[in-house]
Amino acid sequence: MLTEKITCRDELLNAFKNLIASTGKKEFSIQEIKDYMLRNGSISTEKTIEAHVRYRCCANAKKRYHATNYDDLIRLESGLYSLFTR
């Protein structure tokens, strides 16, 4: 039986959806996201989570260091992040 590998990106998107559902907020700091993911048994390290939020999954990141990038999140002026909706 093949099992699908869960990635940091998968966990990140689930964390955002769960945080939105449980708090009613739509904007979260990197620290809030890291705390939630690590508290819930994330497979990723803090640095990996930060890299995904800041660069890999951020639509308006200034620099893209990774070969594959996603437009899942958007950084707001206040340093908070929200899901990017088109």
Protein backbone atom coordinates (compact mmCIF):
# COMPACT_ATOMS: atom_id res chain seq x y z
CA MET A 1 0.00 0.00 0.00
CA LEU A 2 1.34 3.43 -0.92
CA THR A 3 1.08 6.19 1.60
CA GLU A 4 1.20 9.84 0.74
CA LYS A 5 4.02 11.79 2.38
CA ILE A 6 2.91 14.79 4.42
CA THR A 7 5.07 17.83 3.74
CA CYS A 8 5.75 20.97 5.73
CA ARG A 9 3.56 22.82 3.24
CA ASP A 10 0.67 20.41 3.93
CA GLU A 11 1.07 20.92 7.67
CA LEU A 12 1.35 24.69 7.25
CA LEU A 13 -1.88 24.96 5.28
CA ASN A 14 -3.69 22.71 7.77
CA ALA A 15 -2.35 24.82 10.64
CA PHE A 16 -3.70 28.01 9.05
CA LYS A 17 -7.12 26.45 8.46
CA ASN A 18 -7.28 25.08 12.00
CA LEU A 19 -6.12 28.35 13.56
CA ILE A 20 -8.72 30.30 11.58
CA ALA A 21 -11.45 27.88 12.63
CA SER A 22 -10.47 27.87 16.31
CA THR A 23 -9.68 31.57 16.80
CA GLY A 24 -11.77 33.36 14.21
CA LYS A 25 -8.68 35.38 13.26
CA LYS A 26 -7.37 35.38 9.70
CA GLU A 27 -3.87 36.75 10.33
CA PHE A 28 -1.08 35.04 12.26
CA SER A 29 2.54 35.73 13.16
CA ILE A 30 5.28 33.25 12.34
CA GLN A 31 5.59 32.52 16.07
CA GLU A 32 1.88 31.65 16.36
CA ILE A 33 2.16 29.34 13.37
CA LYS A 34 5.33 27.65 14.64
CA ASP A 35 3.88 27.21 18.13
CA TYR A 36 0.72 25.64 16.74
CA MET A 37 2.56 23.29 14.37
CA LEU A 38 5.13 22.14 16.94
CA ARG A 39 2.48 21.72 19.65
CA ASN A 40 0.55 19.46 17.28
CA GLY A 41 3.48 17.17 16.43
CA SER A 42 4.87 18.72 13.26
CA ILE A 43 7.43 16.70 11.35
CA SER A 44 9.26 19.94 10.51
CA THR A 45 11.82 21.95 12.46
CA GLU A 46 11.28 25.57 13.47
CA LYS A 47 13.70 26.76 10.76
CA THR A 48 11.90 24.77 8.07
CA ILE A 49 8.55 26.18 9.14
CA GLU A 50 9.98 29.72 9.09
CA ALA A 51 11.46 29.21 5.61
CA HIS A 52 8.13 27.98 4.30
CA VAL A 53 6.20 30.89 5.77
CA ARG A 54 8.69 33.62 4.84
CA TYR A 55 9.79 32.42 1.41
CA ARG A 56 8.61 29.13 0.00
CA CYS A 57 4.86 29.60 0.45
CA CYS A 58 4.65 33.40 0.46
CA ALA A 59 3.22 35.03 -2.67
CA ASN A 60 4.83 38.39 -2.03
CA ALA A 61 8.25 37.23 -0.79
CA LYS A 62 11.05 39.45 -2.07
CA LYS A 63 13.49 36.60 -2.67
CA ARG A 64 12.74 33.07 -3.65
CA TYR A 65 15.54 30.75 -2.59
CA HIS A 66 13.84 27.48 -3.46
CA ALA A 67 13.37 25.78 -6.82
CA THR A 68 9.65 25.35 -6.17
CA ASN A 69 7.59 28.12 -4.61
CA TYR A 70 3.90 28.43 -3.80
CA ASP A 71 1.53 31.37 -3.53
CA ASP A 72 -0.31 30.02 -0.48
CA LEU A 73 0.27 32.89 1.96
CA ILE A 74 0.62 36.63 1.81
CA ARG A 75 2.71 38.77 4.15
CA LEU A 76 0.82 41.76 5.49
CA GLU A 77 2.44 45.08 6.37
CA SER A 78 2.24 44.34 10.06
CA GLY A 79 4.41 41.21 9.75
CA LEU A 80 1.44 38.92 9.93
CA TYR A 81 0.58 36.30 7.37
CA SER A 82 -2.76 35.19 5.98
CA LEU A 83 -3.95 32.71 3.42
CA PHE A 84 -3.66 34.15 -0.08
CA THR A 85 -6.97 34.11 -1.87
CA ARG A 86 -7.22 34.89 -5.53
